[in-house]
Amino acid sequence: MVPVLLRNCAPELIEQFVEVVTPISDYTYRWKLNTGSKKEKHERADLMAVTGKPILTIDFKTAKRYRKANKMPHQFRRAAWTDLTVEVYL
């Protein structure tokens, strides 16, 4: 599932830069970005056992700022919103 603020991105762009999407729970995903270099299996991080903080989390506040910055319609209603958290890791 692609978050609402990434739905307008070209799928090829997401496929090029997102190496792995790991569902953690309902509405929570971890994305491992493709840095351009392949790692050996023993060098790869286990996204189910991450101990560091993500470089970005997309939540209601982030989506609302994105909507305003891009002059998108006012269709975000907090009462009807369920946070979709996408944690992005390098």
Protein backbone atom coordinates (compact mmCIF):
# COMPACT_ATOMS: atom_id res chain seq x y z
CA MET A 1 0.00 0.00 0.00
CA VAL A 2 1.37 3.41 -0.95
CA PRO A 3 0.62 6.35 1.37
CA VAL A 4 -1.79 8.97 0.04
CA LEU A 5 0.95 11.56 -0.46
CA LEU A 6 2.92 9.18 -2.69
CA ARG A 7 0.03 8.02 -4.86
CA ASN A 8 0.82 10.65 -7.48
CA CYS A 9 4.45 9.52 -7.79
CA ALA A 10 5.39 7.42 -10.77
CA PRO A 11 5.48 3.75 -9.68
CA GLU A 12 8.83 3.40 -11.43
CA LEU A 13 10.29 6.04 -9.12
CA ILE A 14 9.15 4.20 -6.01
CA GLU A 15 10.37 0.88 -7.41
CA GLN A 16 13.77 2.42 -8.18
CA PHE A 17 14.38 3.84 -4.70
CA VAL A 18 12.42 1.58 -2.34
CA GLU A 19 14.16 -1.76 -1.92
CA VAL A 20 11.89 -3.44 0.64
CA VAL A 21 8.49 -2.68 2.19
CA THR A 22 7.88 -4.51 5.45
CA PRO A 23 4.40 -4.40 7.05
CA ILE A 24 4.82 -4.04 10.82
CA SER A 25 1.19 -3.76 11.90
CA ASP A 26 -2.06 -2.27 10.62
CA TYR A 27 -1.25 1.07 9.01
CA THR A 28 2.47 0.81 9.80
CA TYR A 29 5.15 -0.03 7.25
CA ARG A 30 8.94 0.14 7.15
CA TRP A 31 10.59 1.09 3.89
CA LYS A 32 14.23 0.26 3.23
CA LEU A 33 15.61 2.63 0.61
CA ASN A 34 17.83 1.43 -2.19
CA THR A 35 21.14 3.29 -1.88
CA GLY A 36 22.48 1.96 -5.16
CA SER A 37 24.82 -0.63 -3.71
CA LYS A 38 23.88 -4.25 -3.10
CA LYS A 39 24.69 -5.63 0.33
CA GLU A 40 25.47 -9.22 1.11
CA LYS A 41 22.79 -11.10 3.04
CA HIS A 42 24.75 -10.92 6.32
CA GLU A 43 25.09 -7.11 5.93
CA ARG A 44 21.38 -6.44 5.53
CA ALA A 45 19.34 -5.06 8.42
CA ASP A 46 16.36 -7.01 9.72
CA LEU A 47 13.51 -4.51 9.45
CA MET A 48 11.53 -6.46 12.04
CA ALA A 49 14.27 -5.83 14.62
CA VAL A 50 15.17 -2.18 14.00
CA THR A 51 16.65 -0.40 17.00
CA GLY A 52 17.44 3.01 15.45
CA LYS A 53 15.02 5.80 14.70
CA PRO A 54 13.57 6.19 11.19
CA ILE A 55 14.69 9.15 9.09
CA LEU A 56 11.03 10.01 8.38
CA THR A 57 7.62 9.04 9.69
CA ILE A 58 4.55 10.02 7.64
CA ASP A 59 1.61 10.71 9.93
CA PHE A 60 -1.43 13.02 9.92
CA LYS A 61 0.60 16.17 10.64
CA THR A 62 3.08 15.36 7.86
CA ALA A 63 0.29 14.65 5.36
CA LYS A 64 -1.49 17.87 6.32
CA ARG A 65 1.67 19.96 5.80
CA TYR A 66 2.24 18.23 2.45
CA ARG A 67 -1.33 18.99 1.38
CA LYS A 68 -0.99 22.69 2.27
CA ALA A 69 2.44 23.05 0.64
CA ASN A 70 1.13 21.54 -2.59
CA LYS A 71 -2.22 23.39 -2.57
CA MET A 72 -4.20 20.16 -2.55
CA PRO A 73 -7.96 20.02 -1.73
CA HIS A 74 -9.03 20.24 1.92
CA GLN A 75 -10.13 16.63 2.18
CA PHE A 76 -8.20 15.69 5.33
CA ARG A 77 -10.48 15.38 8.34
CA ARG A 78 -8.81 14.42 11.60
CA ALA A 79 -11.89 12.56 12.88
CA ALA A 80 -11.92 10.30 9.80
CA TRP A 81 -8.12 9.91 9.61
CA THR A 82 -6.14 6.82 10.60
CA ASP A 83 -2.42 7.45 10.67
CA LEU A 84 -0.50 5.53 8.05
CA THR A 85 3.00 5.38 9.41
CA VAL A 86 5.74 4.73 6.90
CA GLU A 87 9.12 4.54 8.57
CA VAL A 88 11.90 5.11 6.07
CA TYR A 89 15.36 3.68 6.66
CA LEU A 90 18.59 3.83 4.69
